[in-house]
Amino acid sequence: DRGRTWELIIRGLHDNDTHDLVFRDREDGSRTVLCSTEDGVHRSDDDGATWEQLVVPQARWDYFRSLKQPAENSDTVIASVGDKPSGEAGQLLVSKDFGESWTECEMSHPANSTIWSIGTNAADTSLLFAATIFGQIFRSVDGGDSWQKMERELGEIRMITWAPV
């Protein structure tokens, strides 16, 4: 109905402070959804009707912020995690199987705060950017496996994106 009516679908979400969503369409027409919250990452295998919290032992904290797929409908998901909303530390995780398992990404320098945003672009799925809320920018040229801190730091960053020229 083009948004005229809405239904709240949070059954199983431990926290309704949701930050980001990624989707994977399955061959049978159903959809799996991952959702980041301040209490972890959750998965729905029924297009959001019910949710289960994923156990991610590689995450040092529960505060998940950004979820991004380098390519549309990809099994690869990059997640940003931090110690709290503004925070003093952060990390990046990568899943190659849409959230079933996670690996901590190699970072050239420690994050100075929660990694707030991850930027992707379909024009080059191997080039990614991530930004901490306190101004660090990291770049990956290998689809998210490793990250290099860029030399220049900025002020507060809440969103990062990139476009080819």
N, C-alpha and C. Protein backbone atom coordinates (compact mmCIF):
# COMPACT_ATOMS: atom_id res chain seq x y z
N ASP A 1 0.81 -1.20 0.00
CA ASP A 1 0.00 0.00 0.00
C ASP A 1 0.86 1.27 0.00
N ARG A 2 2.09 1.14 -0.45
CA ARG A 2 3.00 2.29 -0.60
C ARG A 2 3.21 3.07 0.69
N GLY A 3 3.29 2.35 1.79
CA GLY A 3 3.62 2.97 3.07
C GLY A 3 2.46 3.59 3.82
N ARG A 4 1.23 3.30 3.42
CA ARG A 4 0.08 3.86 4.13
C ARG A 4 -0.11 3.22 5.50
N THR A 5 0.20 1.94 5.59
CA THR A 5 0.09 1.26 6.88
C THR A 5 1.42 0.60 7.20
N TRP A 6 1.69 0.48 8.48
CA TRP A 6 2.95 -0.09 8.95
C TRP A 6 2.68 -1.12 10.02
N GLU A 7 3.56 -2.11 10.09
CA GLU A 7 3.48 -3.15 11.12
C GLU A 7 4.83 -3.22 11.81
N LEU A 8 4.81 -3.18 13.16
CA LEU A 8 6.03 -3.28 13.94
C LEU A 8 6.47 -4.74 13.98
N ILE A 9 7.68 -5.02 13.50
CA ILE A 9 8.17 -6.40 13.44
C ILE A 9 9.47 -6.50 14.24
N ILE A 10 9.32 -6.59 15.55
CA ILE A 10 10.51 -6.64 16.41
C ILE A 10 10.54 -7.88 17.29
N ARG A 11 9.69 -8.87 17.01
CA ARG A 11 9.67 -10.06 17.85
C ARG A 11 11.02 -10.77 17.79
N GLY A 12 11.68 -10.82 18.94
CA GLY A 12 12.99 -11.44 19.03
C GLY A 12 14.14 -10.46 19.02
N LEU A 13 13.90 -9.21 18.60
CA LEU A 13 14.95 -8.19 18.69
C LEU A 13 15.12 -7.82 20.16
N HIS A 14 16.33 -7.90 20.67
CA HIS A 14 16.56 -7.55 22.07
C HIS A 14 16.55 -6.05 22.28
N ASP A 15 16.69 -5.30 21.23
CA ASP A 15 16.75 -3.85 21.32
C ASP A 15 16.17 -3.28 20.04
N ASN A 16 15.23 -2.34 20.17
CA ASN A 16 14.65 -1.79 18.94
C ASN A 16 15.39 -0.54 18.46
N ASP A 17 16.56 -0.25 19.05
CA ASP A 17 17.44 0.81 18.56
C ASP A 17 18.27 0.23 17.41
N THR A 18 17.65 0.14 16.25
CA THR A 18 18.31 -0.49 15.10
C THR A 18 19.16 0.53 14.35
N HIS A 19 20.30 0.07 13.85
CA HIS A 19 21.24 0.97 13.18
C HIS A 19 21.36 0.73 11.69
N ASP A 20 21.36 -0.52 11.26
CA ASP A 20 21.56 -0.81 9.84
C ASP A 20 20.96 -2.17 9.51
N LEU A 21 20.63 -2.35 8.24
CA LEU A 21 20.06 -3.61 7.74
C LEU A 21 20.77 -4.01 6.45
N VAL A 22 20.99 -5.30 6.27
CA VAL A 22 21.43 -5.84 4.98
C VAL A 22 20.54 -7.04 4.65
N PHE A 23 20.39 -7.31 3.35
CA PHE A 23 19.44 -8.31 2.88
C PHE A 23 20.11 -9.31 1.95
N ARG A 24 19.62 -10.55 2.00
CA ARG A 24 20.04 -11.56 1.03
C ARG A 24 18.79 -12.31 0.58
N ASP A 25 18.51 -12.22 -0.71
CA ASP A 25 17.37 -12.94 -1.28
C ASP A 25 17.77 -14.38 -1.53
N ARG A 26 16.88 -15.30 -1.16
CA ARG A 26 17.16 -16.72 -1.35
C ARG A 26 16.42 -17.24 -2.58
N GLU A 27 16.87 -18.40 -3.05
CA GLU A 27 16.31 -18.97 -4.28
C GLU A 27 14.82 -19.26 -4.17
N ASP A 28 14.33 -19.57 -2.95
CA ASP A 28 12.91 -19.89 -2.78
C ASP A 28 12.03 -18.64 -2.69
N GLY A 29 12.62 -17.45 -2.88
CA GLY A 29 11.85 -16.21 -2.84
C GLY A 29 11.81 -15.55 -1.47
N SER A 30 12.29 -16.24 -0.45
CA SER A 30 12.31 -15.64 0.89
C SER A 30 13.55 -14.76 1.03
N ARG A 31 13.64 -14.07 2.13
CA ARG A 31 14.73 -13.13 2.34
C ARG A 31 15.27 -13.28 3.76
N THR A 32 16.60 -13.27 3.86
CA THR A 32 17.28 -13.22 5.15
C THR A 32 17.74 -11.79 5.38
N VAL A 33 17.56 -11.31 6.61
CA VAL A 33 17.92 -9.94 6.96
C VAL A 33 18.84 -9.96 8.17
N LEU A 34 19.90 -9.17 8.14
CA LEU A 34 20.73 -8.92 9.31
C LEU A 34 20.49 -7.49 9.77
N CYS A 35 20.44 -7.29 11.08
CA CYS A 35 20.15 -5.99 11.67
C CYS A 35 21.16 -5.71 12.78
N SER A 36 21.78 -4.54 12.74
CA SER A 36 22.70 -4.15 13.81
C SER A 36 21.97 -3.29 14.83
N THR A 37 22.27 -3.53 16.11
CA THR A 37 21.68 -2.76 17.20
C THR A 37 22.77 -2.46 18.23
N GLU A 38 22.41 -1.70 19.24
CA GLU A 38 23.37 -1.43 20.32
C GLU A 38 23.59 -2.66 21.19
N ASP A 39 22.84 -3.73 20.92
CA ASP A 39 22.95 -4.96 21.71
C ASP A 39 23.42 -6.14 20.85
N GLY A 40 24.04 -5.87 19.71
CA GLY A 40 24.55 -6.96 18.88
C GLY A 40 23.98 -6.94 17.48
N VAL A 41 24.14 -8.07 16.81
CA VAL A 41 23.60 -8.23 15.46
C VAL A 41 22.57 -9.36 15.51
N HIS A 42 21.46 -9.15 14.80
CA HIS A 42 20.34 -10.08 14.80
C HIS A 42 20.07 -10.53 13.37
N ARG A 43 19.49 -11.74 13.24
CA ARG A 43 19.16 -12.29 11.93
C ARG A 43 17.69 -12.69 11.90
N SER A 44 17.07 -12.43 10.77
CA SER A 44 15.72 -12.91 10.50
C SER A 44 15.75 -13.74 9.23
N ASP A 45 15.22 -14.95 9.31
CA ASP A 45 15.13 -15.82 8.14
C ASP A 45 13.74 -15.81 7.53
N ASP A 46 12.86 -14.95 8.05
CA ASP A 46 11.49 -14.87 7.53
C ASP A 46 11.10 -13.43 7.19
N ASP A 47 12.06 -12.72 6.58
CA ASP A 47 11.84 -11.35 6.09
C ASP A 47 11.43 -10.39 7.20
N GLY A 48 11.94 -10.60 8.41
CA GLY A 48 11.73 -9.67 9.50
C GLY A 48 10.60 -10.01 10.45
N ALA A 49 9.87 -11.09 10.22
CA ALA A 49 8.77 -11.43 11.13
C ALA A 49 9.29 -11.82 12.51
N THR A 50 10.39 -12.56 12.57
CA THR A 50 11.01 -12.93 13.84
C THR A 50 12.52 -12.74 13.73
N TRP A 51 13.17 -12.56 14.88
CA TRP A 51 14.60 -12.28 14.92
C TRP A 51 15.28 -13.15 15.96
N GLU A 52 16.55 -13.48 15.70
CA GLU A 52 17.38 -14.15 16.69
C GLU A 52 18.70 -13.39 16.79
N GLN A 53 19.20 -13.25 18.02
CA GLN A 53 20.48 -12.59 18.20
C GLN A 53 21.60 -13.56 17.87
N LEU A 54 22.56 -13.11 17.07
CA LEU A 54 23.70 -13.95 16.70
C LEU A 54 24.78 -13.86 17.78
N VAL A 55 25.45 -14.95 17.99
CA VAL A 55 26.61 -14.98 18.87
C VAL A 55 27.83 -14.67 18.01
N VAL A 56 28.53 -13.60 18.35
CA VAL A 56 29.70 -13.18 17.58
C VAL A 56 30.88 -13.06 18.55
N PRO A 57 31.56 -14.17 18.84
CA PRO A 57 32.63 -14.13 19.83
C PRO A 57 33.80 -13.23 19.44
N GLN A 58 33.96 -12.94 18.15
CA GLN A 58 35.05 -12.08 17.71
C GLN A 58 34.81 -10.61 18.04
N ALA A 59 33.55 -10.25 18.32
CA ALA A 59 33.22 -8.86 18.66
C ALA A 59 33.65 -8.58 20.10
N ARG A 60 34.47 -7.55 20.26
CA ARG A 60 34.92 -7.19 21.61
C ARG A 60 33.84 -6.48 22.41
N TRP A 61 32.85 -5.93 21.71
CA TRP A 61 31.75 -5.21 22.36
C TRP A 61 30.44 -5.60 21.68
N ASP A 62 29.33 -5.22 22.29
CA ASP A 62 28.00 -5.52 21.75
C ASP A 62 27.47 -4.44 20.82
N TYR A 63 28.06 -3.26 20.83
CA TYR A 63 27.52 -2.12 20.08
C TYR A 63 27.89 -2.24 18.60
N PHE A 64 26.96 -2.80 17.81
CA PHE A 64 27.13 -2.92 16.36
C PHE A 64 26.52 -1.70 15.71
N ARG A 65 27.21 -1.12 14.76
CA ARG A 65 26.73 0.11 14.14
C ARG A 65 26.38 -0.11 12.66
N SER A 66 27.38 -0.19 11.80
CA SER A 66 27.14 -0.26 10.36
C SER A 66 27.27 -1.70 9.87
N LEU A 67 26.40 -2.09 8.96
CA LEU A 67 26.49 -3.36 8.23
C LEU A 67 26.47 -3.03 6.75
N LYS A 68 27.43 -3.54 6.00
CA LYS A 68 27.44 -3.27 4.56
C LYS A 68 27.86 -4.51 3.79
N GLN A 69 27.27 -4.67 2.61
CA GLN A 69 27.66 -5.71 1.65
C GLN A 69 28.42 -5.02 0.52
N PRO A 70 29.65 -5.45 0.23
CA PRO A 70 30.38 -4.84 -0.88
C PRO A 70 29.65 -4.97 -2.22
N ALA A 71 28.90 -6.04 -2.40
CA ALA A 71 28.12 -6.24 -3.62
C ALA A 71 26.69 -6.60 -3.23
N GLU A 72 25.74 -6.18 -4.03
CA GLU A 72 24.33 -6.44 -3.76
C GLU A 72 24.05 -7.93 -3.65
N ASN A 73 23.26 -8.31 -2.65
CA ASN A 73 22.85 -9.69 -2.40
C ASN A 73 24.04 -10.63 -2.17
N SER A 74 25.14 -10.07 -1.71
CA SER A 74 26.36 -10.84 -1.46
C SER A 74 26.28 -11.55 -0.11
N ASP A 75 27.02 -12.64 0.01
CA ASP A 75 27.16 -13.32 1.30
C ASP A 75 28.17 -12.61 2.19
N THR A 76 28.99 -11.73 1.62
CA THR A 76 29.99 -10.99 2.40
C THR A 76 29.33 -9.79 3.06
N VAL A 77 29.56 -9.67 4.37
CA VAL A 77 29.03 -8.55 5.16
C VAL A 77 30.17 -8.00 6.01
N ILE A 78 30.33 -6.69 6.00
CA ILE A 78 31.29 -6.01 6.87
C ILE A 78 30.49 -5.35 7.98
N ALA A 79 30.93 -5.52 9.23
CA ALA A 79 30.25 -4.93 10.39
C ALA A 79 31.21 -4.04 11.15
N SER A 80 30.70 -2.90 11.60
CA SER A 80 31.48 -2.03 12.48
C SER A 80 30.95 -2.17 13.90
N VAL A 81 31.89 -2.18 14.84
CA VAL A 81 31.57 -2.43 16.25
C VAL A 81 32.32 -1.39 17.07
N GLY A 82 31.74 -1.01 18.20
CA GLY A 82 32.43 -0.09 19.11
C GLY A 82 32.08 -0.37 20.54
N ASP A 83 32.78 0.31 21.45
CA ASP A 83 32.55 0.07 22.87
C ASP A 83 31.33 0.79 23.40
N LYS A 84 30.84 1.82 22.72
CA LYS A 84 29.61 2.54 23.06
C LYS A 84 29.33 3.53 21.95
N PRO A 85 28.21 4.28 22.00
CA PRO A 85 27.86 5.13 20.86
C PRO A 85 28.98 6.07 20.39
N SER A 86 29.54 6.88 21.25
CA SER A 86 30.68 7.68 20.77
C SER A 86 31.95 6.86 20.95
N GLY A 87 32.17 6.37 22.12
CA GLY A 87 33.20 5.38 22.37
C GLY A 87 34.63 5.86 22.28
N GLU A 88 35.50 4.95 22.66
CA GLU A 88 36.94 5.21 22.62
C GLU A 88 37.68 4.14 21.82
N ALA A 89 36.94 3.17 21.28
CA ALA A 89 37.57 2.07 20.54
C ALA A 89 36.56 1.47 19.57
N GLY A 90 37.08 0.84 18.52
CA GLY A 90 36.21 0.20 17.55
C GLY A 90 36.95 -0.89 16.80
N GLN A 91 36.18 -1.70 16.08
CA GLN A 91 36.76 -2.76 15.27
C GLN A 91 35.86 -3.03 14.08
N LEU A 92 36.41 -3.71 13.09
CA LEU A 92 35.67 -4.14 11.92
C LEU A 92 35.71 -5.65 11.85
N LEU A 93 34.57 -6.25 11.51
CA LEU A 93 34.45 -7.69 11.34
C LEU A 93 33.96 -7.98 9.93
N VAL A 94 34.33 -9.14 9.40
CA VAL A 94 33.84 -9.55 8.09
C VAL A 94 33.26 -10.96 8.20
N SER A 95 32.11 -11.16 7.55
CA SER A 95 31.50 -12.48 7.42
C SER A 95 31.43 -12.80 5.94
N LYS A 96 31.86 -13.99 5.56
CA LYS A 96 31.79 -14.42 4.15
C LYS A 96 30.60 -15.34 3.90
N ASP A 97 29.80 -15.58 4.97
CA ASP A 97 28.66 -16.49 4.87
C ASP A 97 27.39 -15.88 5.47
N PHE A 98 27.21 -14.59 5.26
CA PHE A 98 26.05 -13.82 5.69
C PHE A 98 25.73 -14.01 7.18
N GLY A 99 26.76 -13.85 8.00
CA GLY A 99 26.56 -13.81 9.44
C GLY A 99 26.70 -15.11 10.18
N GLU A 100 26.95 -16.20 9.46
CA GLU A 100 27.12 -17.49 10.15
C GLU A 100 28.40 -17.50 10.97
N SER A 101 29.47 -16.93 10.42
CA SER A 101 30.76 -16.84 11.13
C SER A 101 31.39 -15.49 10.81
N TRP A 102 32.26 -15.04 11.70
CA TRP A 102 32.88 -13.72 11.56
C TRP A 102 34.38 -13.82 11.81
N THR A 103 35.12 -12.92 11.19
CA THR A 103 36.56 -12.79 11.39
C THR A 103 36.87 -11.32 11.64
N GLU A 104 37.78 -11.06 12.57
CA GLU A 104 38.18 -9.68 12.80
C GLU A 104 39.06 -9.22 11.64
N CYS A 105 38.77 -8.03 11.12
CA CYS A 105 39.55 -7.48 10.02
C CYS A 105 40.88 -6.95 10.53
N GLU A 106 41.89 -7.08 9.70
CA GLU A 106 43.21 -6.52 10.00
C GLU A 106 43.16 -5.01 9.79
N MET A 107 43.55 -4.25 10.82
CA MET A 107 43.56 -2.79 10.73
C MET A 107 44.98 -2.28 11.01
N SER A 108 45.44 -1.33 10.21
CA SER A 108 46.80 -0.81 10.34
C SER A 108 47.02 -0.05 11.65
N HIS A 109 45.95 0.55 12.18
CA HIS A 109 46.01 1.32 13.42
C HIS A 109 44.75 1.04 14.22
N PRO A 110 44.80 1.18 15.54
CA PRO A 110 43.58 1.03 16.33
C PRO A 110 42.61 2.18 16.03
N ALA A 111 41.34 1.88 16.07
CA ALA A 111 40.32 2.92 15.89
C ALA A 111 40.26 3.77 17.15
N ASN A 112 40.11 5.10 16.97
CA ASN A 112 40.09 6.02 18.11
C ASN A 112 38.71 6.17 18.73
N SER A 113 37.71 5.52 18.15
CA SER A 113 36.34 5.57 18.65
C SER A 113 35.52 4.53 17.89
N THR A 114 34.24 4.48 18.18
CA THR A 114 33.36 3.57 17.46
C THR A 114 33.42 3.85 15.96
N ILE A 115 33.51 2.79 15.17
CA ILE A 115 33.46 2.95 13.71
C ILE A 115 31.99 3.10 13.35
N TRP A 116 31.64 4.29 12.94
CA TRP A 116 30.25 4.68 12.79
C TRP A 116 29.66 4.30 11.45
N SER A 117 30.48 4.31 10.39
CA SER A 117 29.92 4.15 9.06
C SER A 117 30.91 3.43 8.14
N ILE A 118 30.37 2.66 7.21
CA ILE A 118 31.14 1.98 6.17
C ILE A 118 30.57 2.41 4.82
N GLY A 119 31.45 2.80 3.91
CA GLY A 119 31.01 3.23 2.58
C GLY A 119 31.40 2.23 1.51
N THR A 120 30.44 1.86 0.68
CA THR A 120 30.67 0.93 -0.43
C THR A 120 30.13 1.56 -1.71
N ASN A 121 30.51 0.98 -2.85
CA ASN A 121 29.96 1.41 -4.12
C ASN A 121 30.05 0.24 -5.10
N ALA A 122 28.96 -0.02 -5.80
CA ALA A 122 28.91 -1.15 -6.73
C ALA A 122 29.91 -1.02 -7.88
N ALA A 123 30.41 0.19 -8.13
CA ALA A 123 31.38 0.39 -9.21
C ALA A 123 32.70 -0.32 -8.94
N ASP A 124 33.03 -0.51 -7.66
CA ASP A 124 34.27 -1.20 -7.29
C ASP A 124 34.04 -1.85 -5.93
N THR A 125 33.68 -3.11 -5.93
CA THR A 125 33.31 -3.79 -4.68
C THR A 125 34.51 -4.13 -3.81
N SER A 126 35.71 -3.93 -4.31
CA SER A 126 36.90 -4.18 -3.49
C SER A 126 37.34 -2.93 -2.73
N LEU A 127 36.87 -1.75 -3.13
CA LEU A 127 37.25 -0.49 -2.49
C LEU A 127 36.17 -0.07 -1.48
N LEU A 128 36.56 -0.03 -0.21
CA LEU A 128 35.63 0.33 0.87
C LEU A 128 36.28 1.38 1.75
N PHE A 129 35.45 2.17 2.42
CA PHE A 129 35.92 3.15 3.39
C PHE A 129 35.13 2.97 4.69
N ALA A 130 35.78 3.23 5.80
CA ALA A 130 35.13 3.19 7.11
C ALA A 130 35.56 4.42 7.89
N ALA A 131 34.65 4.98 8.67
CA ALA A 131 34.95 6.20 9.42
C ALA A 131 34.56 6.03 10.88
N THR A 132 35.47 6.47 11.76
CA THR A 132 35.13 6.52 13.18
C THR A 132 34.39 7.81 13.45
N ILE A 133 33.63 7.83 14.52
CA ILE A 133 32.89 9.04 14.84
C ILE A 133 33.83 10.20 15.17
N PHE A 134 35.06 9.89 15.63
CA PHE A 134 36.02 10.94 15.97
C PHE A 134 37.03 11.22 14.85
N GLY A 135 36.67 10.95 13.59
CA GLY A 135 37.38 11.51 12.46
C GLY A 135 38.42 10.67 11.75
N GLN A 136 38.67 9.45 12.18
CA GLN A 136 39.59 8.60 11.42
C GLN A 136 38.87 8.02 10.21
N ILE A 137 39.61 7.86 9.11
CA ILE A 137 39.08 7.20 7.92
C ILE A 137 40.02 6.05 7.57
N PHE A 138 39.44 4.88 7.36
CA PHE A 138 40.20 3.69 6.96
C PHE A 138 39.77 3.31 5.55
N ARG A 139 40.71 2.77 4.78
CA ARG A 139 40.43 2.34 3.41
C ARG A 139 40.83 0.89 3.24
N SER A 140 39.97 0.14 2.55
CA SER A 140 40.26 -1.25 2.19
C SER A 140 40.25 -1.35 0.68
N VAL A 141 41.26 -2.02 0.12
CA VAL A 141 41.30 -2.25 -1.33
C VAL A 141 41.12 -3.73 -1.66
N ASP A 142 40.82 -4.54 -0.63
CA ASP A 142 40.66 -5.98 -0.83
C ASP A 142 39.29 -6.49 -0.38
N GLY A 143 38.27 -5.64 -0.50
CA GLY A 143 36.92 -6.06 -0.17
C GLY A 143 36.64 -6.15 1.32
N GLY A 144 37.49 -5.57 2.15
CA GLY A 144 37.22 -5.51 3.58
C GLY A 144 38.07 -6.41 4.46
N ASP A 145 38.96 -7.19 3.88
CA ASP A 145 39.79 -8.07 4.70
C ASP A 145 40.82 -7.30 5.51
N SER A 146 41.41 -6.26 4.91
CA SER A 146 42.40 -5.45 5.63
C SER A 146 42.12 -3.97 5.38
N TRP A 147 42.51 -3.15 6.35
CA TRP A 147 42.19 -1.73 6.34
C TRP A 147 43.41 -0.90 6.70
N GLN A 148 43.64 0.17 5.95
CA GLN A 148 44.73 1.11 6.20
C GLN A 148 44.14 2.45 6.63
N LYS A 149 44.67 3.00 7.71
CA LYS A 149 44.23 4.32 8.17
C LYS A 149 44.78 5.37 7.22
N MET A 150 43.91 6.27 6.79
CA MET A 150 44.35 7.37 5.94
C MET A 150 45.02 8.42 6.82
N GLU A 151 45.98 9.13 6.25
CA GLU A 151 46.81 10.04 7.03
C GLU A 151 46.01 11.16 7.68
N ARG A 152 45.16 11.79 6.92
CA ARG A 152 44.42 12.94 7.44
C ARG A 152 43.25 12.48 8.30
N GLU A 153 43.06 13.16 9.44
CA GLU A 153 41.89 12.93 10.29
C GLU A 153 41.01 14.16 10.25
N LEU A 154 39.73 13.96 10.41
CA LEU A 154 38.75 15.04 10.33
C LEU A 154 38.05 15.20 11.67
N GLY A 155 37.04 16.05 11.71
CA GLY A 155 36.20 16.18 12.89
C GLY A 155 35.23 15.02 12.96
N GLU A 156 34.13 15.22 13.61
CA GLU A 156 33.13 14.17 13.78
C GLU A 156 32.59 13.70 12.43
N ILE A 157 32.57 12.38 12.23
CA ILE A 157 32.04 11.79 10.99
C ILE A 157 30.91 10.84 11.36
N ARG A 158 29.73 11.07 10.81
CA ARG A 158 28.58 10.20 11.07
C ARG A 158 28.21 9.34 9.86
N MET A 159 28.72 9.69 8.67
CA MET A 159 28.38 8.92 7.48
C MET A 159 29.52 9.06 6.48
N ILE A 160 29.80 7.96 5.78
CA ILE A 160 30.82 8.01 4.72
C ILE A 160 30.28 7.26 3.51
N THR A 161 30.57 7.81 2.34
CA THR A 161 30.21 7.17 1.08
C THR A 161 31.26 7.57 0.05
N TRP A 162 31.26 6.92 -1.07
CA TRP A 162 32.17 7.33 -2.13
C TRP A 162 31.52 7.09 -3.47
N ALA A 163 31.95 7.88 -4.46
CA ALA A 163 31.43 7.75 -5.82
C ALA A 163 32.60 7.79 -6.80
N PRO A 164 32.55 6.97 -7.85
CA PRO A 164 33.62 7.02 -8.85
C PRO A 164 33.56 8.33 -9.63
N VAL A 165 34.73 8.75 -10.10
CA VAL A 165 34.76 9.99 -10.90
C VAL A 165 34.93 9.67 -12.36
